[in-house]
PDB file of N, CA and C in Angstrom:
ATOM      1  N   MET A   1       1.752  -8.270 -12.563  1.00  0.00           N
ATOM      2  CA  MET A   1       1.786  -6.968 -11.762  1.00  0.00           C
ATOM      3  C   MET A   1       2.304  -7.322 -10.409  1.00  0.00           C
ATOM      4  N   PRO A   2       3.020  -6.338  -9.693  1.00  0.00           N
ATOM      5  CA  PRO A   2       3.632  -6.139  -8.391  1.00  0.00           C
ATOM      6  C   PRO A   2       2.696  -6.013  -7.411  1.00  0.00           C
ATOM      7  N   PHE A   3       3.009  -6.544  -6.528  1.00  0.00           N
ATOM      8  CA  PHE A   3       1.806  -6.497  -5.188  1.00  0.00           C
ATOM      9  C   PHE A   3       2.564  -5.330  -4.410  1.00  0.00           C
ATOM     10  N   TYR A   4       1.290  -4.652  -3.755  1.00  0.00           N
ATOM     11  CA  TYR A   4       1.960  -3.609  -2.558  1.00  0.00           C
ATOM     12  C   TYR A   4       0.960  -3.942  -1.480  1.00  0.00           C
ATOM     13  N   LEU A   5       1.629  -3.301  -0.238  1.00  0.00           N
ATOM     14  CA  LEU A   5       0.961  -3.280   1.110  1.00  0.00           C
ATOM     15  C   LEU A   5       0.573  -2.206   1.489  1.00  0.00           C
ATOM     16  N   LEU A   6      -0.789  -1.573   1.602  1.00  0.00           N
ATOM     17  CA  LEU A   6      -1.027  -0.008   1.656  1.00  0.00           C
ATOM     18  C   LEU A   6      -1.229  -0.079   3.078  1.00  0.00           C
ATOM     19  N   GLN A   7      -0.535   1.240   3.698  1.00  0.00           N
ATOM     20  CA  GLN A   7      -0.941   1.060   5.227  1.00  0.00           C
ATOM     21  C   GLN A   7      -1.376   2.896   5.311  1.00  0.00           C
ATOM     22  N   ALA A   8      -2.221   2.911   6.237  1.00  0.00           N
ATOM     23  CA  ALA A   8      -2.668   4.011   6.194  1.00  0.00           C
ATOM     24  C   ALA A   8      -3.308   4.564   7.574  1.00  0.00           C
ATOM     25  N   SER A   9      -3.177   5.901   8.171  1.00  0.00           N
ATOM     26  CA  SER A   9      -3.745   6.007   9.676  1.00  0.00           C
ATOM     27  C   SER A   9      -4.410   7.160   9.145  1.00  0.00           C
ATOM     28  N   TYR A  10      -5.706   7.426   9.819  1.00  0.00           N
ATOM     29  CA  TYR A  10      -6.500   8.540   9.583  1.00  0.00           C
ATOM     30  C   TYR A  10      -6.138  10.101  10.316  1.00  0.00           C
ATOM     31  N   SER A  11      -6.243  10.815   9.805  1.00  0.00           N
ATOM     32  CA  SER A  11      -6.132  12.408  10.390  1.00  0.00           C
ATOM     33  C   SER A  11      -7.349  12.223  11.444  1.00  0.00           C
ATOM     34  N   PRO A  12      -7.233  12.991  12.300  1.00  0.00           N
ATOM     35  CA  PRO A  12      -8.263  13.453  13.348  1.00  0.00           C
ATOM     36  C   PRO A  12      -9.413  13.950  12.629  1.00  0.00           C
ATOM     37  N   SER A  13      -9.271  14.607  11.583  1.00  0.00           N
ATOM     38  CA  SER A  13     -10.726  15.155  10.573  1.00  0.00           C
ATOM     39  C   SER A  13     -11.064  13.976   9.833  1.00  0.00           C
ATOM     40  N   GLY A  14     -10.404  13.070   9.382  1.00  0.00           N
ATOM     41  CA  GLY A  14     -10.912  11.861   8.840  1.00  0.00           C
ATOM     42  C   GLY A  14     -11.446  10.844   9.206  1.00  0.00           C
ATOM     43  N   ALA A  15     -10.922  10.738  10.505  1.00  0.00           N
ATOM     44  CA  ALA A  15     -11.492   9.649  11.494  1.00  0.00           C
ATOM     45  C   ALA A  15     -13.011  10.218  11.716  1.00  0.00           C
ATOM     46  N   ALA A  16     -12.723  11.622  12.406  1.00  0.00           N
ATOM     47  CA  ALA A  16     -14.149  12.508  12.815  1.00  0.00           C
ATOM     48  C   ALA A  16     -15.317  12.253  11.582  1.00  0.00           C
ATOM     49  N   HIS A  17     -15.052  12.241  10.225  1.00  0.00           N
ATOM     50  CA  HIS A  17     -15.809  12.571   9.206  1.00  0.00           C
ATOM     51  C   HIS A  17     -16.258  10.816   9.070  1.00  0.00           C
ATOM     52  N   LEU A  18     -15.425   9.781   9.154  1.00  0.00           N
ATOM     53  CA  LEU A  18     -15.719   8.647   9.277  1.00  0.00           C
ATOM     54  C   LEU A  18     -17.035   8.020  10.637  1.00  0.00           C
ATOM     55  N   VAL A  19     -16.852   8.659  11.389  1.00  0.00           N
ATOM     56  CA  VAL A  19     -17.455   8.659  12.732  1.00  0.00           C
ATOM     57  C   VAL A  19     -18.993   9.275  12.187  1.00  0.00           C
ATOM     58  N   GLN A  20     -18.968  10.261  11.872  1.00  0.00           N
ATOM     59  CA  GLN A  20     -20.345  11.276  11.763  1.00  0.00           C
ATOM     60  C   GLN A  20     -20.913  10.754  10.692  1.00  0.00           C
ATOM     61  N   HIS A  21     -20.204   9.969   9.416  1.00  0.00           N
ATOM     62  CA  HIS A  21     -20.642   9.388   8.026  1.00  0.00           C
ATOM     63  C   HIS A  21     -20.285   8.389   7.578  1.00  0.00           C
ATOM     64  N   PRO A  22     -20.529   7.178   8.287  1.00  0.00           N
ATOM     65  CA  PRO A  22     -19.701   5.850   8.135  1.00  0.00           C
ATOM     66  C   PRO A  22     -19.752   5.623   6.591  1.00  0.00           C
ATOM     67  N   GLN A  23     -19.192   4.843   6.193  1.00  0.00           N
ATOM     68  CA  GLN A  23     -18.709   4.465   4.697  1.00  0.00           C
ATOM     69  C   GLN A  23     -17.957   3.469   4.471  1.00  0.00           C
ATOM     70  N   HIS A  24     -18.053   2.860   3.398  1.00  0.00           N
ATOM     71  CA  HIS A  24     -16.941   1.588   3.165  1.00  0.00           C
ATOM     72  C   HIS A  24     -15.781   1.991   2.220  1.00  0.00           C
ATOM     73  N   ARG A  25     -14.532   2.403   3.014  1.00  0.00           N
ATOM     74  CA  ARG A  25     -13.777   2.894   2.146  1.00  0.00           C
ATOM     75  C   ARG A  25     -12.761   2.029   1.334  1.00  0.00           C
ATOM     76  N   GLU A  26     -12.952   0.575   1.359  1.00  0.00           N
ATOM     77  CA  GLU A  26     -12.834  -0.553   0.793  1.00  0.00           C
ATOM     78  C   GLU A  26     -13.336  -0.251  -0.790  1.00  0.00           C
ATOM     79  N   GLU A  27     -14.381   0.626  -0.748  1.00  0.00           N
ATOM     80  CA  GLU A  27     -14.805   0.697  -2.330  1.00  0.00           C
ATOM     81  C   GLU A  27     -14.258   1.886  -2.891  1.00  0.00           C
ATOM     82  N   ALA A  28     -14.294   2.829  -1.992  1.00  0.00           N
ATOM     83  CA  ALA A  28     -13.238   3.736  -2.544  1.00  0.00           C
ATOM     84  C   ALA A  28     -11.822   3.412  -2.898  1.00  0.00           C
ATOM     85  N   LEU A  29     -11.085   2.423  -2.400  1.00  0.00           N
ATOM     86  CA  LEU A  29     -10.051   2.512  -2.628  1.00  0.00           C
ATOM     87  C   LEU A  29      -9.887   1.473  -3.874  1.00  0.00           C
ATOM     88  N   GLN A  30     -10.833   0.411  -3.916  1.00  0.00           N
ATOM     89  CA  GLN A  30     -11.041  -0.313  -4.874  1.00  0.00           C
ATOM     90  C   GLN A  30     -11.156   0.262  -6.408  1.00  0.00           C
ATOM     91  N   LYS A  31     -11.677   1.566  -6.477  1.00  0.00           N
ATOM     92  CA  LYS A  31     -12.030   2.167  -7.332  1.00  0.00           C
ATOM     93  C   LYS A  31     -10.766   2.989  -7.854  1.00  0.00           C
ATOM     94  N   SER A  32      -9.938   3.317  -6.977  1.00  0.00           N
ATOM     95  CA  SER A  32      -8.649   4.046  -7.266  1.00  0.00           C
ATOM     96  C   SER A  32      -7.616   3.270  -7.792  1.00  0.00           C
ATOM     97  N   CYS A  33      -7.550   2.054  -7.319  1.00  0.00           N
ATOM     98  CA  CYS A  33      -6.718   0.737  -7.805  1.00  0.00           C
ATOM     99  C   CYS A  33      -7.058   0.723  -9.229  1.00  0.00           C
ATOM    100  N   HIS A  34      -8.405   0.268  -9.353  1.00  0.00           N
ATOM    101  CA  HIS A  34      -9.030  -0.021 -10.857  1.00  0.00           C
ATOM    102  C   HIS A  34      -8.485   1.369 -11.865  1.00  0.00           C
ATOM    103  N   ALA A  35      -8.463   2.659 -11.148  1.00  0.00           N
ATOM    104  CA  ALA A  35      -8.525   3.841 -12.333  1.00  0.00           C
ATOM    105  C   ALA A  35      -6.857   3.867 -12.714  1.00  0.00           C
ATOM    106  N   LEU A  36      -6.048   3.521 -11.844  1.00  0.00           N
ATOM    107  CA  LEU A  36      -4.882   3.127 -12.221  1.00  0.00           C
ATOM    108  C   LEU A  36      -4.193   2.173 -12.347  1.00  0.00           C
ATOM    109  N   GLY A  37      -5.114   0.862 -13.290  1.00  0.00           N
ATOM    110  CA  GLY A  37      -4.932   0.051 -13.683  1.00  0.00           C
ATOM    111  C   GLY A  37      -4.514  -1.412 -12.790  1.00  0.00           C
ATOM    112  N   GLY A  38      -5.231  -1.230 -11.710  1.00  0.00           N
ATOM    113  CA  GLY A  38      -4.714  -2.251 -10.952  1.00  0.00           C
ATOM    114  C   GLY A  38      -6.215  -2.925 -10.372  1.00  0.00           C
ATOM    115  N   LYS A  39      -5.642  -3.810  -8.836  1.00  0.00           N
ATOM    116  CA  LYS A  39      -6.925  -4.158  -8.544  1.00  0.00           C
ATOM    117  C   LYS A  39      -6.593  -4.409  -6.950  1.00  0.00           C
ATOM    118  N   LEU A  40      -7.469  -4.295  -5.770  1.00  0.00           N
ATOM    119  CA  LEU A  40      -7.490  -4.040  -4.801  1.00  0.00           C
ATOM    120  C   LEU A  40      -7.680  -5.845  -4.149  1.00  0.00           C
ATOM    121  N   HIS A  41      -7.187  -6.186  -3.624  1.00  0.00           N
ATOM    122  CA  HIS A  41      -7.354  -7.551  -3.147  1.00  0.00           C
ATOM    123  C   HIS A  41      -7.549  -7.867  -1.879  1.00  0.00           C
ATOM    124  N   HIS A  42      -7.300  -6.776  -1.010  1.00  0.00           N
ATOM    125  CA  HIS A  42      -7.918  -7.340   0.384  1.00  0.00           C
ATOM    126  C   HIS A  42      -8.056  -6.068   0.965  1.00  0.00           C
ATOM    127  N   PHE A  43      -8.834  -5.686   1.972  1.00  0.00           N
ATOM    128  CA  PHE A  43      -9.027  -4.447   2.680  1.00  0.00           C
ATOM    129  C   PHE A  43      -8.966  -4.563   4.196  1.00  0.00           C
ATOM    130  N   PHE A  44      -8.574  -4.339   5.192  1.00  0.00           N
ATOM    131  CA  PHE A  44      -8.750  -4.580   6.689  1.00  0.00           C
ATOM    132  C   PHE A  44      -8.648  -2.873   7.359  1.00  0.00           C
ATOM    133  N   TYR A  45      -9.756  -2.933   8.088  1.00  0.00           N
ATOM    134  CA  TYR A  45      -9.107  -2.078   9.138  1.00  0.00           C
ATOM    135  C   TYR A  45      -8.427  -2.608  10.380  1.00  0.00           C
ATOM    136  N   CYS A  46      -7.794  -1.951  11.216  1.00  0.00           N
ATOM    137  CA  CYS A  46      -6.893  -2.553  11.981  1.00  0.00           C
ATOM    138  C   CYS A  46      -6.287  -1.970  13.091  1.00  0.00           C
ATOM    139  N   PHE A  47      -6.092  -2.588  14.280  1.00  0.00           N
ATOM    140  CA  PHE A  47      -5.635  -1.596  15.336  1.00  0.00           C
ATOM    141  C   PHE A  47      -3.945  -1.318  15.716  1.00  0.00           C
ATOM    142  N   GLY A  48      -3.414  -0.567  15.886  1.00  0.00           N
ATOM    143  CA  GLY A  48      -2.107  -0.625  15.863  1.00  0.00           C
ATOM    144  C   GLY A  48      -1.556   0.723  15.161  1.00  0.00           C
ATOM    145  N   PRO A  49      -0.460   0.929  14.709  1.00  0.00           N
ATOM    146  CA  PRO A  49       0.043   2.352  14.187  1.00  0.00           C
ATOM    147  C   PRO A  49      -0.526   2.749  12.783  1.00  0.00           C
ATOM    148  N   TYR A  50      -1.289   1.567  12.346  1.00  0.00           N
ATOM    149  CA  TYR A  50      -2.433   1.863  11.398  1.00  0.00           C
ATOM    150  C   TYR A  50      -3.815   1.625  11.742  1.00  0.00           C
ATOM    151  N   ASP A  51      -4.546   2.681  10.925  1.00  0.00           N
ATOM    152  CA  ASP A  51      -6.135   2.143  10.963  1.00  0.00           C
ATOM    153  C   ASP A  51      -6.546   1.632   9.686  1.00  0.00           C
ATOM    154  N   ALA A  52      -6.119   1.267   8.620  1.00  0.00           N
ATOM    155  CA  ALA A  52      -6.431   0.454   7.492  1.00  0.00           C
ATOM    156  C   ALA A  52      -5.213   0.001   6.858  1.00  0.00           C
ATOM    157  N   ILE A  53      -5.544  -1.078   6.340  1.00  0.00           N
ATOM    158  CA  ILE A  53      -4.294  -1.782   5.249  1.00  0.00           C
ATOM    159  C   ILE A  53      -5.032  -2.362   4.302  1.00  0.00           C
ATOM    160  N   GLY A  54      -4.206  -2.574   3.035  1.00  0.00           N
ATOM    161  CA  GLY A  54      -4.860  -2.906   1.937  1.00  0.00           C
ATOM    162  C   GLY A  54      -3.817  -3.917   1.298  1.00  0.00           C
ATOM    163  N   ILE A  55      -4.080  -5.176   0.379  1.00  0.00           N
ATOM    164  CA  ILE A  55      -3.277  -5.719  -0.595  1.00  0.00           C
ATOM    165  C   ILE A  55      -3.342  -5.144  -1.942  1.00  0.00           C
ATOM    166  N   ALA A  56      -2.711  -4.574  -2.794  1.00  0.00           N
ATOM    167  CA  ALA A  56      -3.449  -4.433  -4.002  1.00  0.00           C
ATOM    168  C   ALA A  56      -2.101  -4.774  -5.003  1.00  0.00           C
ATOM    169  N   GLU A  57      -2.819  -4.972  -5.981  1.00  0.00           N
ATOM    170  CA  GLU A  57      -2.033  -5.471  -6.924  1.00  0.00           C
ATOM    171  C   GLU A  57      -1.923  -4.330  -8.464  1.00  0.00           C
ATOM    172  N   LEU A  58      -0.811  -3.594  -8.810  1.00  0.00           N
ATOM    173  CA  LEU A  58      -0.809  -2.275  -9.284  1.00  0.00           C
ATOM    174  C   LEU A  58       0.165  -2.834 -10.521  1.00  0.00           C
ATOM    175  N   PRO A  59       0.094  -1.554 -11.684  1.00  0.00           N
ATOM    176  CA  PRO A  59       0.837  -1.670 -12.766  1.00  0.00           C
ATOM    177  C   PRO A  59       2.224  -1.600 -12.652  1.00  0.00           C
ATOM    178  N   ASP A  60       2.886  -1.011 -11.735  1.00  0.00           N
ATOM    179  CA  ASP A  60       4.245  -0.574 -11.198  1.00  0.00           C
ATOM    180  C   ASP A  60       4.113   0.558 -10.289  1.00  0.00           C
ATOM    181  N   ASN A  61       5.594   0.990  -9.880  1.00  0.00           N
ATOM    182  CA  ASN A  61       5.629   1.750  -8.743  1.00  0.00           C
ATOM    183  C   ASN A  61       5.505   2.905  -9.000  1.00  0.00           C
ATOM    184  N   LYS A  62       5.324   3.430 -10.322  1.00  0.00           N
ATOM    185  CA  LYS A  62       4.526   5.259 -10.537  1.00  0.00           C
ATOM    186  C   LYS A  62       3.006   5.085 -10.306  1.00  0.00           C
ATOM    187  N   ALA A  63       2.642   3.881 -10.506  1.00  0.00           N
ATOM    188  CA  ALA A  63       0.805   3.841 -10.069  1.00  0.00           C
ATOM    189  C   ALA A  63       0.850   3.755  -8.583  1.00  0.00           C
ATOM    190  N   ALA A  64       1.581   3.021  -7.859  1.00  0.00           N
ATOM    191  CA  ALA A  64       1.595   2.899  -6.268  1.00  0.00           C
ATOM    192  C   ALA A  64       1.813   4.122  -5.762  1.00  0.00           C
ATOM    193  N   ALA A  65       2.813   4.969  -6.297  1.00  0.00           N
ATOM    194  CA  ALA A  65       3.263   6.267  -5.942  1.00  0.00           C
ATOM    195  C   ALA A  65       2.104   7.131  -6.162  1.00  0.00           C
ATOM    196  N   ALA A  66       1.102   7.048  -7.408  1.00  0.00           N
ATOM    197  CA  ALA A  66       0.342   7.841  -7.746  1.00  0.00           C
ATOM    198  C   ALA A  66      -0.647   7.990  -6.639  1.00  0.00           C
ATOM    199  N   LEU A  67      -1.218   6.302  -6.195  1.00  0.00           N
ATOM    200  CA  LEU A  67      -2.040   6.041  -5.431  1.00  0.00           C
ATOM    201  C   LEU A  67      -1.516   6.774  -4.025  1.00  0.00           C
ATOM    202  N   SER A  68      -0.465   6.474  -3.769  1.00  0.00           N
ATOM    203  CA  SER A  68       0.205   7.557  -2.425  1.00  0.00           C
ATOM    204  C   SER A  68      -0.105   8.740  -2.404  1.00  0.00           C
ATOM    205  N   LEU A  69       0.252   9.222  -3.390  1.00  0.00           N
ATOM    206  CA  LEU A  69       0.319  11.078  -3.351  1.00  0.00           C
ATOM    207  C   LEU A  69      -1.466  11.144  -3.435  1.00  0.00           C
ATOM    208  N   SER A  70      -2.171  10.543  -4.053  1.00  0.00           N
ATOM    209  CA  SER A  70      -3.479  11.019  -4.224  1.00  0.00           C
ATOM    210  C   SER A  70      -4.174  10.862  -2.785  1.00  0.00           C
ATOM    211  N   ALA A  71      -4.042   9.824  -2.417  1.00  0.00           N
ATOM    212  CA  ALA A  71      -4.295   9.900  -0.943  1.00  0.00           C
ATOM    213  C   ALA A  71      -4.043  10.807   0.240  1.00  0.00           C
ATOM    214  N   ASP A  72      -2.704  10.960   0.029  1.00  0.00           N
ATOM    215  CA  ASP A  72      -1.976  11.715   1.176  1.00  0.00           C
ATOM    216  C   ASP A  72      -2.568  12.960   0.870  1.00  0.00           C
ATOM    217  N   ALA A  73      -2.584  13.563  -0.319  1.00  0.00           N
ATOM    218  CA  ALA A  73      -3.246  14.841  -0.703  1.00  0.00           C
ATOM    219  C   ALA A  73      -4.501  14.865  -0.085  1.00  0.00           C
ATOM    220  N   SER A  74      -5.399  13.809  -0.096  1.00  0.00           N
ATOM    221  CA  SER A  74      -6.816  14.406   0.559  1.00  0.00           C
ATOM    222  C   SER A  74      -7.015  14.890   1.688  1.00  0.00           C
ATOM    223  N   GLY A  75      -5.648  14.776   2.716  1.00  0.00           N
ATOM    224  CA  GLY A  75      -5.837  15.522   4.158  1.00  0.00           C
ATOM    225  C   GLY A  75      -6.843  14.653   4.835  1.00  0.00           C
ATOM    226  N   ALA A  76      -7.442  13.530   4.497  1.00  0.00           N
ATOM    227  CA  ALA A  76      -8.098  12.698   5.565  1.00  0.00           C
ATOM    228  C   ALA A  76      -6.822  11.743   6.086  1.00  0.00           C
ATOM    229  N   LEU A  77      -6.139  11.939   5.597  1.00  0.00           N
ATOM    230  CA  LEU A  77      -5.024  10.690   6.228  1.00  0.00           C
ATOM    231  C   LEU A  77      -3.370  11.480   6.638  1.00  0.00           C
ATOM    232  N   LYS A  78      -3.374  10.733   8.481  1.00  0.00           N
ATOM    233  CA  LYS A  78      -2.015  11.796   8.873  1.00  0.00           C
ATOM    234  C   LYS A  78      -0.749  11.003   8.338  1.00  0.00           C
ATOM    235  N   GLN A  79      -0.917   9.672   7.582  1.00  0.00           N
ATOM    236  CA  GLN A  79       0.247   8.945   7.355  1.00  0.00           C
ATOM    237  C   GLN A  79      -0.234   7.668   6.353  1.00  0.00           C
ATOM    238  N   VAL A  80       0.804   7.715   5.331  1.00  0.00           N
ATOM    239  CA  VAL A  80       0.533   6.925   4.082  1.00  0.00           C
ATOM    240  C   VAL A  80       1.639   5.854   4.060  1.00  0.00           C
ATOM    241  N   SER A  81       1.857   4.640   3.628  1.00  0.00           N
ATOM    242  CA  SER A  81       2.948   4.130   3.666  1.00  0.00           C
ATOM    243  C   SER A  81       2.300   2.857   2.784  1.00  0.00           C
ATOM    244  N   THR A  82       3.703   2.709   1.582  1.00  0.00           N
ATOM    245  CA  THR A  82       3.299   1.837   0.496  1.00  0.00           C
ATOM    246  C   THR A  82       4.644   0.872   0.266  1.00  0.00           C
ATOM    247  N   VAL A  83       4.371  -0.211   0.474  1.00  0.00           N
ATOM    248  CA  VAL A  83       5.708  -1.541   0.644  1.00  0.00           C
ATOM    249  C   VAL A  83       5.620  -2.195  -0.412  1.00  0.00           C
ATOM    250  N   VAL A  84       6.471  -2.266  -1.221  1.00  0.00           N
ATOM    251  CA  VAL A  84       6.633  -3.547  -2.479  1.00  0.00           C
ATOM    252  C   VAL A  84       6.534  -4.906  -1.749  1.00  0.00           C
ATOM    253  N   LEU A  85       5.811  -5.692  -2.487  1.00  0.00           N
ATOM    254  CA  LEU A  85       5.444  -7.096  -1.988  1.00  0.00           C
ATOM    255  C   LEU A  85       6.425  -7.529  -2.786  1.00  0.00           C
ATOM    256  N   LEU A  86       6.839  -8.964  -2.413  1.00  0.00           N
ATOM    257  CA  LEU A  86       7.716 -10.139  -3.357  1.00  0.00           C
ATOM    258  C   LEU A  86       6.456 -11.343  -3.401  1.00  0.00           C
ATOM    259  N   THR A  87       6.379 -11.907  -4.335  1.00  0.00           N
ATOM    260  CA  THR A  87       5.748 -13.217  -4.143  1.00  0.00           C
ATOM    261  C   THR A  87       7.004 -14.415  -3.606  1.00  0.00           C
ATOM    262  N   VAL A  88       6.362 -15.654  -3.335  1.00  0.00           N
ATOM    263  CA  VAL A  88       7.632 -16.558  -2.997  1.00  0.00           C
ATOM    264  C   VAL A  88       8.616 -16.942  -4.025  1.00  0.00           C
ATOM    265  N   ALA A  89       8.029 -16.942  -4.970  1.00  0.00           N
ATOM    266  CA  ALA A  89       8.708 -17.290  -6.068  1.00  0.00           C
ATOM    267  C   ALA A  89      10.001 -16.172  -6.707  1.00  0.00           C
ATOM    268  N   GLU A  90       9.228 -14.933  -6.472  1.00  0.00           N
ATOM    269  CA  GLU A  90      10.431 -13.620  -6.696  1.00  0.00           C
ATOM    270  C   GLU A  90      11.597 -13.679  -5.405  1.00  0.00           C
ATOM    271  N   ALA A  91      10.790 -13.839  -4.667  1.00  0.00           N
ATOM    272  CA  ALA A  91      11.995 -14.114  -3.202  1.00  0.00           C
ATOM    273  C   ALA A  91      13.100 -15.180  -3.286  1.00  0.00           C
ATOM    274  N   MET A  92      12.362 -16.177  -3.906  1.00  0.00           N
ATOM    275  CA  MET A  92      13.401 -17.327  -4.078  1.00  0.00           C
ATOM    276  C   MET A  92      14.241 -17.212  -5.464  1.00  0.00           C
ATOM    277  N   ASP A  93      13.764 -16.411  -6.187  1.00  0.00           N
ATOM    278  CA  ASP A  93      14.765 -15.713  -7.720  1.00  0.00           C
ATOM    279  C   ASP A  93      15.852 -14.764  -6.889  1.00  0.00           C
ATOM    280  N   ALA A  94      15.784 -13.724  -5.843  1.00  0.00           N
ATOM    281  CA  ALA A  94      15.881 -13.039  -5.354  1.00  0.00           C
ATOM    282  C   ALA A  94      17.378 -13.471  -4.395  1.00  0.00           C
ATOM    283  N   MET A  95      17.168 -14.675  -3.899  1.00  0.00           N
ATOM    284  CA  MET A  95      17.866 -15.354  -2.928  1.00  0.00           C
ATOM    285  C   MET A  95      19.041 -16.389  -3.591  1.00  0.00           C
ATOM    286  N   LYS A  96      18.702 -16.524  -4.852  1.00  0.00           N
ATOM    287  CA  LYS A  96      19.753 -17.061  -6.068  1.00  0.00           C
ATOM    288  C   LYS A  96      20.377 -16.399  -6.485  1.00  0.00           C
ATOM    289  N   LYS A  97      19.902 -15.146  -7.236  1.00  0.00           N
ATOM    290  CA  LYS A  97      20.714 -13.991  -7.504  1.00  0.00           C
ATOM    291  C   LYS A  97      21.921 -13.412  -6.449  1.00  0.00           C
ATOM    292  N   ALA A  98      21.461 -13.438  -5.321  1.00  0.00           N
ATOM    293  CA  ALA A  98      22.220 -13.215  -4.185  1.00  0.00           C
ATOM    294  C   ALA A  98      23.522 -13.660  -4.157  1.00  0.00           C
ATOM    295  N   GLN A  99      23.356 -15.078  -4.664  1.00  0.00           N
ATOM    296  CA  GLN A  99      24.570 -15.996  -4.450  1.00  0.00           C
ATOM    297  C   GLN A  99      25.808 -15.601  -5.415  1.00  0.00           C
ATOM    298  N   THR A 100      25.226 -14.620  -6.242  1.00  0.00           N
ATOM    299  CA  THR A 100      26.299 -14.146  -7.441  1.00  0.00           C
ATOM    300  C   THR A 100      26.928 -12.996  -6.935  1.00  0.00           C
ATOM    301  N   ASP A 101      26.279 -12.624  -5.812  1.00  0.00           N
ATOM    302  CA  ASP A 101      26.274 -11.211  -5.571  1.00  0.00           C
ATOM    303  C   ASP A 101      28.117 -10.910  -5.178  1.00  0.00           C
ATOM    304  N   GLN A 102      28.689 -10.186  -5.381  1.00  0.00           N
ATOM    305  CA  GLN A 102      30.117  -9.684  -4.782  1.00  0.00           C
ATOM    306  C   GLN A 102      30.304  -8.660  -3.723  1.00  0.00           C
ATOM    307  N   TYR A 103      29.420  -8.289  -3.107  1.00  0.00           N
ATOM    308  CA  TYR A 103      29.542  -7.559  -2.145  1.00  0.00           C
ATOM    309  C   TYR A 103      30.536  -7.751  -0.946  1.00  0.00           C
ATOM    310  N   LYS A 104      31.223  -6.857  -0.608  1.00  0.00           N
ATOM    311  CA  LYS A 104      32.096  -7.427   0.390  1.00  0.00           C
ATOM    312  C   LYS A 104      31.714  -5.839   1.323  1.00  0.00           C
ATOM    313  N   PRO A 105      31.835  -6.544   3.093  1.00  0.00           N
ATOM    314  CA  PRO A 105      31.604  -5.622   3.988  1.00  0.00           C
ATOM    315  C   PRO A 105      32.617  -4.343   4.368  1.00  0.00           C
ATOM    316  N   PRO A 106      32.646  -3.638   4.989  1.00  0.00           N
ATOM    317  CA  PRO A 106      33.683  -2.675   5.223  1.00  0.00           C
ATOM    318  C   PRO A 106      34.694  -3.516   6.242  1.00  0.00           C
ATOM    319  N   THR A 107      36.094  -3.033   5.898  1.00  0.00           N
ATOM    320  CA  THR A 107      37.075  -4.090   6.978  1.00  0.00           C
ATOM    321  C   THR A 107      37.602  -3.448   7.867  1.00  0.00           C
TER     322      THR A 107
END
């Protein structure tokens, strides 16, 4: 199964709700990933442009898009980003495959 980097920033109302009612959002994300046939491997709160990130394994891009859409539709987030991750083996395969590419830059 492919891996994904999930990044989210809370909306002001979402952050306010967490301050008023602290809760483990990792558990909620784990349930969502499981319902889509995947698994949440890691979850972190963080500083910077995102408030939380996760590393998840999901069946395919459709499942990743569904997770992103449902999180975004909740209204608790102001920004959601999903990035497809490659294992080292997949990246090595891509590098080897790039050797056969015939792309020519504009002249």
